[in-house]
N, C-alpha and C. Protein backbone atom coordinates (compact mmCIF):
# COMPACT_ATOMS: atom_id res chain seq x y z
N MET A 1 7.03 16.53 8.83
CA MET A 1 6.04 15.67 8.51
C MET A 1 5.57 15.81 7.08
N ASN A 2 5.33 14.55 6.58
CA ASN A 2 4.80 14.27 5.08
C ASN A 2 3.48 14.25 5.23
N ASP A 3 2.72 15.05 4.73
CA ASP A 3 1.26 15.02 4.66
C ASP A 3 0.73 14.20 3.33
N ASP A 4 1.90 13.83 2.51
CA ASP A 4 1.32 12.96 1.33
C ASP A 4 0.80 11.61 1.43
N TYR A 5 0.82 11.17 2.69
CA TYR A 5 0.52 10.00 2.93
C TYR A 5 0.19 9.74 4.37
N ILE A 6 -0.76 8.83 4.60
CA ILE A 6 -1.24 8.49 6.05
C ILE A 6 -0.98 6.94 6.37
N ALA A 7 -0.93 6.71 7.49
CA ALA A 7 -1.11 5.34 8.00
C ALA A 7 -1.43 5.53 9.55
N THR A 8 -2.82 4.90 9.61
CA THR A 8 -3.28 4.95 11.08
C THR A 8 -3.82 3.62 11.39
N THR A 9 -3.79 3.64 13.04
CA THR A 9 -4.52 2.33 13.50
C THR A 9 -5.34 2.73 14.54
N ALA A 10 -6.51 2.36 14.53
CA ALA A 10 -7.41 2.82 15.77
C ALA A 10 -8.02 1.34 16.31
N LEU A 11 -7.53 1.18 17.53
CA LEU A 11 -7.76 -0.11 18.17
C LEU A 11 -8.71 0.25 19.48
N PHE A 12 -9.92 0.22 19.55
CA PHE A 12 -10.94 0.48 20.24
C PHE A 12 -10.75 2.03 20.58
N GLY A 13 -10.30 2.66 19.75
CA GLY A 13 -10.20 4.22 19.68
C GLY A 13 -10.65 5.13 18.68
N GLU A 14 -10.30 6.26 18.40
CA GLU A 14 -10.41 7.21 17.27
C GLU A 14 -9.35 7.94 16.80
N VAL A 15 -9.25 7.99 15.59
CA VAL A 15 -8.20 8.88 14.83
C VAL A 15 -9.06 9.81 13.83
N LYS A 16 -8.40 11.02 13.92
CA LYS A 16 -9.00 12.06 13.00
C LYS A 16 -7.62 12.82 12.27
N LYS A 17 -7.61 12.79 11.06
CA LYS A 17 -6.58 13.27 10.10
C LYS A 17 -7.17 14.36 9.28
N TYR A 18 -6.47 15.30 9.14
CA TYR A 18 -6.86 16.53 8.37
C TYR A 18 -5.64 16.48 7.28
N ILE A 19 -6.16 16.18 6.26
CA ILE A 19 -4.86 15.95 4.96
C ILE A 19 -4.84 17.50 4.35
N LEU A 20 -3.63 18.04 4.16
CA LEU A 20 -3.41 19.48 3.72
C LEU A 20 -2.62 19.23 2.49
N SER A 21 -2.12 18.29 2.02
CA SER A 21 -1.27 17.96 1.03
C SER A 21 -2.10 18.30 -0.52
N LYS A 22 -1.09 18.86 -1.22
CA LYS A 22 -1.74 19.10 -2.70
C LYS A 22 -1.19 18.12 -3.60
N ASP A 23 -0.61 17.09 -3.06
CA ASP A 23 -0.42 15.86 -4.03
C ASP A 23 -0.49 14.58 -2.94
N PHE A 24 -1.40 14.38 -2.47
CA PHE A 24 -1.75 13.29 -1.66
C PHE A 24 -1.44 11.69 -2.34
N LYS A 25 -0.58 10.98 -1.94
CA LYS A 25 -0.24 9.55 -2.74
C LYS A 25 -0.98 8.33 -2.41
N PHE A 26 -1.04 8.18 -1.00
CA PHE A 26 -1.70 6.85 -0.53
C PHE A 26 -1.91 7.21 0.92
N GLY A 27 -2.82 5.95 1.35
CA GLY A 27 -3.08 5.74 2.94
C GLY A 27 -3.33 4.45 3.09
N ASN A 28 -3.23 4.04 4.42
CA ASN A 28 -3.20 2.61 5.06
C ASN A 28 -4.09 2.97 6.40
N LEU A 29 -5.32 2.72 6.19
CA LEU A 29 -6.17 2.60 7.63
C LEU A 29 -6.25 1.50 8.15
N THR A 30 -6.24 1.17 9.52
CA THR A 30 -6.81 0.03 10.03
C THR A 30 -7.83 0.19 11.51
N ASN A 31 -8.63 -0.31 11.42
CA ASN A 31 -9.51 -0.17 12.56
C ASN A 31 -9.98 -1.47 13.06
N VAL A 32 -9.95 -1.61 14.30
CA VAL A 32 -10.44 -2.83 15.02
C VAL A 32 -11.35 -2.12 16.35
N PHE A 33 -12.58 -2.19 16.33
CA PHE A 33 -13.61 -1.58 17.31
C PHE A 33 -13.17 -0.20 17.36
N GLY A 34 -12.61 0.38 16.08
CA GLY A 34 -12.31 1.94 15.97
C GLY A 34 -12.94 2.83 15.01
N LYS A 35 -12.93 3.96 15.22
CA LYS A 35 -13.22 4.89 13.96
C LYS A 35 -11.96 5.63 13.46
N THR A 36 -12.07 5.90 12.07
CA THR A 36 -11.02 7.01 11.59
C THR A 36 -11.75 7.98 10.66
N THR A 37 -11.59 9.06 10.95
CA THR A 37 -11.86 10.29 10.23
C THR A 37 -10.90 10.77 9.20
N VAL A 38 -11.05 10.84 8.08
CA VAL A 38 -10.01 11.46 7.15
C VAL A 38 -10.89 12.59 6.44
N ASP A 39 -10.21 13.81 6.58
CA ASP A 39 -10.73 15.07 6.02
C ASP A 39 -9.78 15.72 4.82
N PHE A 40 -10.28 15.54 3.39
CA PHE A 40 -9.50 15.73 2.27
C PHE A 40 -10.17 17.20 1.62
N CYS A 41 -10.64 17.98 2.52
CA CYS A 41 -11.21 19.19 2.09
C CYS A 41 -10.32 20.10 1.58
N ASN A 42 -9.20 20.18 2.29
CA ASN A 42 -8.32 21.15 1.93
C ASN A 42 -7.11 20.43 1.36
N ALA A 43 -7.37 19.23 0.50
CA ALA A 43 -6.32 18.63 -0.09
C ALA A 43 -6.64 18.24 -1.52
N ASP A 44 -5.74 17.79 -2.09
CA ASP A 44 -5.74 17.56 -3.77
C ASP A 44 -5.09 16.15 -4.14
N ILE A 45 -5.60 15.58 -5.14
CA ILE A 45 -4.80 14.38 -5.65
C ILE A 45 -4.57 14.80 -7.28
N ASN A 46 -3.78 13.66 -7.66
CA ASN A 46 -3.57 13.72 -9.05
C ASN A 46 -3.50 12.33 -9.20
N GLY A 47 -4.42 12.08 -10.34
CA GLY A 47 -4.40 10.78 -10.83
C GLY A 47 -5.12 9.90 -9.84
N ALA A 48 -4.77 8.65 -10.07
CA ALA A 48 -5.23 7.53 -9.10
C ALA A 48 -4.62 7.15 -7.93
N VAL A 49 -5.17 7.45 -6.60
CA VAL A 49 -4.66 7.15 -5.34
C VAL A 49 -5.18 6.03 -4.56
N VAL A 50 -4.41 5.20 -3.98
CA VAL A 50 -5.11 4.18 -3.22
C VAL A 50 -5.20 4.14 -1.65
N MET A 51 -6.17 4.11 -1.27
CA MET A 51 -6.15 4.06 0.32
C MET A 51 -6.61 2.55 0.74
N THR A 52 -5.58 1.78 1.55
CA THR A 52 -6.12 0.51 1.84
C THR A 52 -7.00 0.65 3.42
N CYS A 53 -8.06 0.12 3.36
CA CYS A 53 -8.85 0.37 4.34
C CYS A 53 -9.27 -1.18 5.08
N THR A 54 -8.74 -1.42 6.21
CA THR A 54 -8.85 -2.84 6.83
C THR A 54 -9.48 -2.55 8.25
N GLN A 55 -10.75 -3.26 8.37
CA GLN A 55 -11.62 -2.74 9.57
C GLN A 55 -12.37 -4.00 10.06
N LEU A 56 -12.50 -4.26 11.44
CA LEU A 56 -13.11 -5.04 11.94
C LEU A 56 -13.99 -4.41 13.04
N PHE A 57 -15.36 -4.54 12.81
CA PHE A 57 -16.12 -3.77 13.66
C PHE A 57 -15.53 -2.41 13.80
N GLY A 58 -15.42 -1.68 12.67
CA GLY A 58 -14.98 -0.30 12.61
C GLY A 58 -15.67 0.48 11.83
N GLU A 59 -15.45 2.00 11.75
CA GLU A 59 -16.17 2.65 10.97
C GLU A 59 -14.88 3.81 10.15
N ILE A 60 -15.11 4.06 9.13
CA ILE A 60 -13.99 5.13 8.41
C ILE A 60 -15.27 6.11 7.83
N LEU A 61 -14.74 7.38 8.23
CA LEU A 61 -15.60 8.64 7.54
C LEU A 61 -14.52 9.50 6.70
N ILE A 62 -14.81 9.44 5.50
CA ILE A 62 -14.21 10.34 4.61
C ILE A 62 -14.83 11.53 3.96
N LYS A 63 -14.06 12.74 4.30
CA LYS A 63 -14.88 13.97 3.78
C LYS A 63 -13.87 14.10 2.41
N ALA A 64 -14.62 14.40 1.49
CA ALA A 64 -13.95 14.59 0.09
C ALA A 64 -14.76 15.26 -0.95
N PRO A 65 -14.06 16.36 -1.66
CA PRO A 65 -14.71 17.16 -2.60
C PRO A 65 -15.62 16.20 -3.42
N ALA A 66 -16.66 16.73 -3.85
CA ALA A 66 -17.73 16.33 -4.66
C ALA A 66 -17.27 16.03 -6.02
N THR A 67 -16.29 16.64 -6.53
CA THR A 67 -15.62 16.41 -7.87
C THR A 67 -14.61 15.20 -8.09
N TRP A 68 -14.14 14.64 -6.79
CA TRP A 68 -13.58 13.52 -6.85
C TRP A 68 -14.35 12.24 -7.33
N HIS A 69 -13.58 11.33 -7.91
CA HIS A 69 -14.37 9.95 -8.59
C HIS A 69 -13.77 9.23 -7.09
N ILE A 70 -14.63 8.55 -6.63
CA ILE A 70 -14.22 7.45 -5.47
C ILE A 70 -14.77 6.23 -5.96
N VAL A 71 -13.79 5.06 -5.92
CA VAL A 71 -14.22 3.91 -6.49
C VAL A 71 -13.82 2.66 -5.17
N SER A 72 -14.82 2.03 -4.89
CA SER A 72 -14.52 0.94 -4.03
C SER A 72 -14.39 -0.43 -4.56
N GLU A 73 -13.08 -0.94 -4.22
CA GLU A 73 -12.45 -2.15 -4.74
C GLU A 73 -12.17 -3.29 -3.75
N GLY A 74 -12.94 -2.87 -2.51
CA GLY A 74 -12.61 -3.91 -1.40
C GLY A 74 -13.51 -4.99 -1.40
N THR A 75 -13.35 -5.78 -0.18
CA THR A 75 -13.95 -7.06 0.04
C THR A 75 -14.83 -6.84 1.31
N ASN A 76 -16.04 -6.94 1.26
CA ASN A 76 -17.01 -6.49 2.42
C ASN A 76 -17.91 -7.70 3.02
N ILE A 77 -17.68 -7.92 4.13
CA ILE A 77 -18.45 -8.95 4.83
C ILE A 77 -19.26 -8.44 5.94
N PHE A 78 -20.47 -8.35 5.70
CA PHE A 78 -21.24 -7.47 6.74
C PHE A 78 -20.89 -6.42 6.87
N ALA A 79 -20.52 -5.70 5.72
CA ALA A 79 -19.89 -4.20 5.84
C ALA A 79 -20.25 -3.38 4.68
N VAL A 80 -20.22 -2.13 4.60
CA VAL A 80 -20.93 -1.33 3.55
C VAL A 80 -19.90 -0.21 3.30
N VAL A 81 -20.10 0.45 2.07
CA VAL A 81 -19.32 1.49 1.60
C VAL A 81 -20.31 2.35 1.20
N ASP A 82 -20.54 3.53 1.58
CA ASP A 82 -21.74 4.56 1.50
C ASP A 82 -21.19 5.88 0.71
N ASP A 83 -21.32 5.95 -0.29
CA ASP A 83 -20.91 7.41 -0.74
C ASP A 83 -22.13 8.24 -0.89
N LYS A 84 -22.20 9.29 0.06
CA LYS A 84 -23.48 10.18 0.26
C LYS A 84 -23.23 11.50 -0.52
N ARG A 85 -22.35 11.36 -1.37
CA ARG A 85 -21.99 12.91 -2.04
C ARG A 85 -22.80 13.26 -3.22
N ARG A 86 -23.86 12.25 -3.51
CA ARG A 86 -24.40 12.44 -4.58
C ARG A 86 -25.23 14.01 -4.94
N ASN A 87 -24.73 14.43 -5.90
CA ASN A 87 -25.13 15.72 -6.41
C ASN A 87 -24.97 15.92 -7.71
N PRO A 88 -26.24 15.74 -8.42
CA PRO A 88 -26.50 15.76 -9.95
C PRO A 88 -25.63 17.11 -10.70
N THR A 89 -25.51 18.19 -9.80
CA THR A 89 -25.06 19.45 -10.63
C THR A 89 -23.64 19.38 -10.33
N VAL A 90 -22.93 18.66 -9.85
CA VAL A 90 -21.46 18.59 -10.05
C VAL A 90 -20.91 17.55 -10.89
N SER A 91 -19.88 17.98 -11.71
CA SER A 91 -19.02 17.23 -12.67
C SER A 91 -17.99 16.53 -11.88
N ILE A 92 -17.91 15.36 -12.37
CA ILE A 92 -16.86 14.38 -11.73
C ILE A 92 -15.70 14.68 -12.47
N ASP A 93 -14.33 14.86 -11.57
CA ASP A 93 -13.14 15.03 -12.38
C ASP A 93 -12.28 13.53 -12.64
N ARG A 94 -12.53 13.10 -13.54
CA ARG A 94 -11.86 11.38 -13.67
C ARG A 94 -10.42 11.59 -13.72
N ASN A 95 -9.74 12.55 -13.68
CA ASN A 95 -8.20 12.73 -13.31
C ASN A 95 -7.86 12.78 -11.90
N LYS A 96 -9.02 12.52 -10.92
CA LYS A 96 -8.69 12.70 -9.31
C LYS A 96 -9.89 11.37 -8.92
N VAL A 97 -9.10 10.44 -8.83
CA VAL A 97 -9.54 9.06 -8.40
C VAL A 97 -9.09 8.53 -7.12
N LEU A 98 -9.88 8.55 -6.12
CA LEU A 98 -9.60 7.69 -4.99
C LEU A 98 -10.00 6.62 -4.95
N ILE A 99 -9.25 5.43 -4.86
CA ILE A 99 -9.43 4.02 -4.83
C ILE A 99 -9.51 3.32 -3.38
N LEU A 100 -10.34 2.81 -2.80
CA LEU A 100 -10.70 2.03 -1.72
C LEU A 100 -10.51 0.86 -1.77
N ARG A 101 -9.33 0.26 -1.40
CA ARG A 101 -9.14 -1.17 -1.25
C ARG A 101 -8.93 -1.81 0.11
N GLY A 102 -9.29 -3.23 0.26
CA GLY A 102 -8.83 -3.77 1.60
C GLY A 102 -10.22 -4.74 1.83
N THR A 103 -10.50 -4.99 3.33
CA THR A 103 -11.46 -5.64 3.82
C THR A 103 -12.09 -5.24 4.94
N GLY A 104 -13.31 -5.10 4.77
CA GLY A 104 -14.04 -4.65 5.82
C GLY A 104 -15.23 -5.96 6.19
N ILE A 105 -14.90 -6.15 7.84
CA ILE A 105 -15.90 -6.99 8.32
C ILE A 105 -16.72 -6.48 9.52
N PHE A 106 -17.91 -6.56 9.26
CA PHE A 106 -18.91 -5.94 10.40
C PHE A 106 -18.39 -4.40 10.65
N GLY A 107 -18.19 -3.50 9.12
CA GLY A 107 -17.42 -2.39 9.36
C GLY A 107 -18.35 -1.53 8.16
N ALA A 108 -17.96 -0.05 8.20
CA ALA A 108 -18.88 0.81 7.45
C ALA A 108 -17.60 1.73 6.95
N ILE A 109 -17.79 2.29 5.80
CA ILE A 109 -17.02 3.47 5.24
C ILE A 109 -18.18 4.34 4.68
N LYS A 110 -18.13 5.61 5.30
CA LYS A 110 -19.23 6.67 4.75
C LYS A 110 -18.13 7.54 4.05
N ILE A 111 -18.62 8.04 3.10
CA ILE A 111 -18.01 9.20 2.36
C ILE A 111 -19.16 10.33 2.33
N VAL A 112 -18.75 11.57 2.73
CA VAL A 112 -19.51 12.83 2.46
C VAL A 112 -18.75 13.72 2.11
N ASP A 113 -19.62 14.83 1.48
CA ASP A 113 -19.03 16.01 0.87
C ASP A 113 -18.39 17.01 1.72
N CYS A 114 -17.72 17.66 1.39
CA CYS A 114 -16.95 18.72 2.43
C CYS A 114 -17.89 19.77 2.84
N VAL A 115 -18.87 19.72 2.42
CA VAL A 115 -19.81 20.93 2.99
C VAL A 115 -20.83 20.28 4.34
N ASN A 116 -20.46 18.93 4.39
CA ASN A 116 -21.12 18.41 5.49
C ASN A 116 -20.39 18.41 6.80
């Protein structure tokens, strides 16, 4: 099994992924009335990594280290991307960038720190 990428689909269901890769490359998450949780607490990325997030009435929960720089470049229609990792005492590592792309319609992406 290759943990360097993920591809999930949750249709009226839930998917939970715990990423252990020390060189995660990309992800593709699809939710239709579903929820996906991706836990990066024991993972690492190098450079810029893209995760495509497509959801219709869905939710994505991303647990990520507070030091990662997370950028949302998606299109949201009645949807929200909420990074709750705000901690002024933590320095962001600009060499570890997680880019969220895709489309959210009546969806939510919540990003939390690994301590939550």
